[in-house]
Amino acid sequence: VVLRWMGGLLGSAFLTWADHSRERRRLAGKGFQVVQRLRNRQAAKCFDAWQSSLRDRQRLTRAGHKVVSRWRAGQCGDAFFSWREQAQDSQRLFRAAFKVIQRIKNLCVATAWSRWR
């Protein structure tokens, strides 16, 4: 049947139709590729924005660390370190006093217990 069409009047129409359908399939694939590229472009923009935000955050973190280290190294640093040492000493004294008080309480309880028996 196809050979008769190709040899007769319908042959050129069939070839034209076949060419058009091939071209349509090729263009449909290209359209899909274009849509995919547009989608990928949007994803790429989002990814670039995220990377830029991350770089900015890292830069600000480094700047903050620099400020803190300079502050520690300056006059304020001495005051900060002396305050920290005083706070640590205060905590040590509190723990020691707490232990002494617990021992006194236990001694009183032990004395009362021994007298009761």
Protein backbone atom coordinates (compact mmCIF):
# COMPACT_ATOMS: atom_id res chain seq x y z
CA VAL A 1 0.00 0.00 0.00
CA VAL A 2 2.77 2.41 0.94
CA LEU A 3 4.62 1.63 -2.29
CA ARG A 4 1.53 2.42 -4.33
CA TRP A 5 1.05 5.69 -2.44
CA MET A 6 4.65 6.64 -2.95
CA GLY A 7 4.43 5.92 -6.66
CA GLY A 8 1.10 7.61 -7.24
CA LEU A 9 -0.44 10.97 -6.56
CA LEU A 10 -0.69 10.26 -2.87
CA GLY A 11 3.05 9.57 -2.57
CA SER A 12 4.10 13.19 -2.34
CA ALA A 13 1.30 13.91 0.12
CA PHE A 14 2.40 10.95 2.27
CA LEU A 15 6.04 12.10 2.20
CA THR A 16 4.98 15.62 3.13
CA TRP A 17 2.84 14.28 5.97
CA ALA A 18 5.70 12.07 7.21
CA ASP A 19 8.12 15.02 7.11
CA HIS A 20 5.66 17.21 9.00
CA SER A 21 5.04 14.58 11.66
CA ARG A 22 8.81 14.03 12.12
CA GLU A 23 9.34 17.77 12.39
CA ARG A 24 6.46 18.07 14.86
CA ARG A 25 7.96 15.34 17.08
CA ARG A 26 11.37 17.01 16.89
CA LEU A 27 9.90 20.41 17.81
CA ALA A 28 7.86 18.87 20.63
CA GLY A 29 11.10 17.48 22.06
CA LYS A 30 12.73 20.89 21.67
CA GLY A 31 9.79 22.52 23.43
CA PHE A 32 10.16 20.08 26.29
CA GLN A 33 13.87 20.90 26.45
CA VAL A 34 13.07 24.61 26.54
CA VAL A 35 10.61 24.11 29.38
CA GLN A 36 13.17 22.02 31.28
CA ARG A 37 15.81 24.71 30.78
CA LEU A 38 13.41 27.34 32.13
CA ARG A 39 12.67 25.18 35.16
CA ASN A 40 16.37 24.52 35.71
CA ARG A 41 17.06 28.23 35.41
CA GLN A 42 14.62 28.91 38.24
CA ALA A 43 16.22 26.20 40.37
CA ALA A 44 19.66 27.60 39.55
CA LYS A 45 18.56 31.09 40.60
CA CYS A 46 17.29 29.73 43.91
CA PHE A 47 20.51 27.79 44.45
CA ASP A 48 22.63 30.86 43.63
CA ALA A 49 20.60 32.97 46.06
CA TRP A 50 21.06 30.33 48.77
CA GLN A 51 24.82 30.19 48.16
CA SER A 52 25.04 33.98 48.26
CA SER A 53 23.11 34.05 51.54
CA LEU A 54 25.39 31.37 52.96
CA ARG A 55 28.51 33.31 51.92
CA ASP A 56 27.11 36.48 53.52
CA ARG A 57 26.32 34.62 56.73
CA GLN A 58 29.82 33.12 56.84
CA ARG A 59 31.36 36.53 56.21
CA LEU A 60 29.34 38.07 59.03
CA THR A 61 30.28 35.20 61.35
CA ARG A 62 33.97 35.75 60.61
CA ALA A 63 33.55 39.48 61.19
CA GLY A 64 31.79 38.77 64.50
CA HIS A 65 34.62 36.50 65.59
CA LYS A 66 37.12 39.23 64.74
CA VAL A 67 35.18 41.76 66.80
CA VAL A 68 34.99 39.41 69.79
CA SER A 69 38.67 38.55 69.61
CA ARG A 70 39.65 42.24 69.38
CA TRP A 71 37.32 43.02 72.27
CA ARG A 72 38.90 40.27 74.34
CA ALA A 73 42.36 41.49 73.50
CA GLY A 74 41.57 45.12 74.38
CA GLN A 75 40.81 46.82 77.70
CA CYS A 76 37.38 45.25 77.88
CA GLY A 77 38.98 41.85 77.64
CA ASP A 78 40.84 42.31 80.90
CA ALA A 79 37.64 43.27 82.69
CA PHE A 80 35.82 40.33 81.12
CA PHE A 81 38.47 37.82 82.16
CA SER A 82 38.63 39.15 85.72
CA TRP A 83 34.83 38.97 85.96
CA ARG A 84 34.89 35.40 84.65
CA GLU A 85 37.54 34.39 87.19
CA GLN A 86 35.53 35.99 90.00
CA ALA A 87 32.38 34.16 88.86
CA GLN A 88 34.25 30.85 88.80
CA ASP A 89 35.67 31.50 92.29
CA SER A 90 32.20 32.37 93.53
CA GLN A 91 30.83 29.09 92.15
CA ARG A 92 33.65 27.12 93.81
CA LEU A 93 32.98 28.81 97.15
CA PHE A 94 29.25 28.13 96.83
CA ARG A 95 29.86 24.42 96.14
CA ALA A 96 32.26 24.18 99.10
CA ALA A 97 29.80 25.94 101.43
CA PHE A 98 27.00 23.67 100.23
CA LYS A 99 29.08 20.58 101.04
CA VAL A 100 29.86 21.92 104.52
CA ILE A 101 26.20 22.64 105.20
CA GLN A 102 25.21 19.15 104.00
CA ARG A 103 27.77 17.58 106.34
CA ILE A 104 26.50 19.62 109.29
CA LYS A 105 22.90 18.59 108.50
CA ASN A 106 23.94 14.94 108.25
CA LEU A 107 25.81 15.24 111.56
CA CYS A 108 22.71 16.69 113.25
CA VAL A 109 20.52 13.94 111.80
CA ALA A 110 23.00 11.27 112.85
CA THR A 111 23.16 12.68 116.40
CA ALA A 112 19.35 12.79 116.66
CA TRP A 113 19.11 9.27 115.30
CA SER A 114 21.64 7.87 117.74
CA ARG A 115 19.86 9.54 120.72
CA TRP A 116 16.46 8.27 119.64
CA ARG A 117 17.59 4.64 119.47
